[in-house]
Amino acid sequence: MNLTISGHHLEVTPALRNYVTTKLDRITRHFDQVVDVKVLLTVEKQKEKQRRQRAECNVHVKGNDMFAESSHEDLYAAVDELMDKLDRQVVRHKDRVQDHHHEAVKRLM
């Protein structure tokens, strides 16, 4: 799995990088065919009172691309919301990919 964590208007510290990778373990635990993950962490400077922290993620799995974004006043909370959204998408994709067709049980007469 290729992992890219980049920051826009902020420096990605080792603690922040470690936090994102530990949260991404939840996604790889549900679905092990993740090929590429790109995480973008952004600080928006609209107003000083409303500093918004945004986290975006592109996940490329076998057969599909997924995207999610989340914004919050705290960057760690934005990462938590982002991973919740991605986790739901990955589980839904895994359910679609799995073969749910079962053999019909033959009736006994």
Protein backbone atom coordinates (compact mmCIF):
# COMPACT_ATOMS: atom_id res chain seq x y z
CA MET A 1 0.00 0.00 0.00
CA ASN A 2 1.36 3.39 -1.02
CA LEU A 3 0.65 6.10 1.55
CA THR A 4 1.09 9.82 0.89
CA ILE A 5 0.35 12.36 3.62
CA SER A 6 0.77 16.00 2.65
CA GLY A 7 -0.13 19.31 4.22
CA HIS A 8 -1.36 22.57 2.73
CA HIS A 9 -0.57 25.64 4.84
CA LEU A 10 0.73 23.43 7.64
CA GLU A 11 3.65 21.18 8.43
CA VAL A 12 2.88 17.50 8.86
CA THR A 13 4.48 16.61 12.18
CA PRO A 14 5.52 13.06 13.07
CA ALA A 15 2.76 12.94 15.69
CA LEU A 16 0.15 13.92 13.11
CA ARG A 17 1.55 11.42 10.60
CA ASN A 18 1.44 8.68 13.25
CA TYR A 19 -2.16 9.57 14.15
CA VAL A 20 -3.30 9.34 10.51
CA THR A 21 -1.53 6.01 9.94
CA THR A 22 -3.04 4.46 13.08
CA LYS A 23 -6.50 5.58 11.93
CA LEU A 24 -5.86 4.12 8.46
CA ASP A 25 -5.19 0.72 10.03
CA ARG A 26 -8.94 0.45 10.60
CA ILE A 27 -9.56 0.65 6.86
CA THR A 28 -6.89 -1.91 5.97
CA ARG A 29 -8.29 -4.21 8.66
CA HIS A 30 -11.69 -4.24 6.91
CA PHE A 31 -10.36 -4.52 3.36
CA ASP A 32 -6.84 -5.68 2.57
CA GLN A 33 -6.77 -4.87 -1.16
CA VAL A 34 -5.98 -1.16 -0.72
CA VAL A 35 -3.52 -0.07 -3.41
CA ASP A 36 -2.96 3.65 -2.83
CA VAL A 37 -3.95 6.23 -0.18
CA LYS A 38 -3.43 9.98 -0.50
CA VAL A 39 -4.25 12.21 2.48
CA LEU A 40 -4.29 16.01 2.25
CA LEU A 41 -4.48 18.05 5.44
CA THR A 42 -5.37 21.73 5.00
CA VAL A 43 -5.73 24.81 7.17
CA GLU A 44 -8.16 27.33 5.66
CA LYS A 45 -7.64 30.95 6.68
CA GLN A 46 -11.02 32.51 5.92
CA LYS A 47 -11.32 34.47 9.14
CA GLU A 48 -9.24 34.33 12.25
CA LYS A 49 -12.31 33.44 14.35
CA GLN A 50 -13.33 30.60 12.04
CA ARG A 51 -10.13 28.75 11.31
CA ARG A 52 -11.28 25.55 9.65
CA GLN A 53 -9.13 22.45 9.48
CA ARG A 54 -9.88 20.17 6.54
CA ALA A 55 -8.84 16.60 5.81
CA GLU A 56 -9.28 14.94 2.41
CA CYS A 57 -8.45 11.42 1.36
CA ASN A 58 -8.35 9.53 -1.93
CA VAL A 59 -8.30 5.75 -1.60
CA HIS A 60 -7.64 3.51 -4.58
CA VAL A 61 -8.72 -0.07 -3.99
CA LYS A 62 -8.88 -2.91 -6.44
CA GLY A 63 -11.71 -1.99 -8.80
CA ASN A 64 -12.75 1.37 -7.34
CA ASP A 65 -11.64 4.83 -6.24
CA MET A 66 -13.09 6.44 -3.13
CA PHE A 67 -12.95 10.03 -1.92
CA ALA A 68 -13.98 11.61 1.36
CA GLU A 69 -13.44 14.96 3.01
CA SER A 70 -14.19 16.41 6.40
CA SER A 71 -13.74 19.78 8.06
CA HIS A 72 -13.71 20.74 11.71
CA GLU A 73 -12.17 23.31 14.03
CA ASP A 74 -9.74 20.66 15.31
CA LEU A 75 -7.59 18.77 12.79
CA TYR A 76 -7.65 15.55 14.81
CA ALA A 77 -11.47 15.64 14.92
CA ALA A 78 -11.51 16.22 11.14
CA VAL A 79 -9.29 13.15 10.67
CA ASP A 80 -11.63 11.10 12.90
CA GLU A 81 -14.69 12.10 10.84
CA LEU A 82 -12.80 11.41 7.63
CA MET A 83 -11.84 7.90 8.69
CA ASP A 84 -15.45 7.17 9.74
CA LYS A 85 -16.66 8.16 6.27
CA LEU A 86 -13.95 6.14 4.52
CA ASP A 87 -14.61 3.14 6.72
CA ARG A 88 -18.28 3.12 5.72
CA GLN A 89 -17.35 3.41 2.03
CA VAL A 90 -14.80 0.59 2.24
CA VAL A 91 -17.22 -1.75 4.04
CA ARG A 92 -19.93 -0.99 1.47
CA HIS A 93 -17.47 -1.67 -1.38
CA LYS A 94 -16.39 -4.92 0.23
CA ASP A 95 -20.02 -6.06 0.49
CA ARG A 96 -20.55 -5.30 -3.19
CA VAL A 97 -17.44 -7.17 -4.26
CA GLN A 98 -18.16 -10.28 -2.20
CA ASP A 99 -20.12 -13.04 -3.86
CA HIS A 100 -23.49 -13.28 -2.12
CA HIS A 101 -24.96 -15.87 -4.46
CA HIS A 102 -25.57 -19.11 -2.61
CA GLU A 103 -26.65 -22.40 -4.00
CA ALA A 104 -30.38 -22.97 -3.59
CA VAL A 105 -31.25 -25.69 -1.14
CA LYS A 106 -33.03 -28.56 -2.95
CA ARG A 107 -36.35 -29.56 -1.53
CA LEU A 108 -36.76 -33.04 -0.25
CA MET A 109 -40.06 -34.70 -1.07
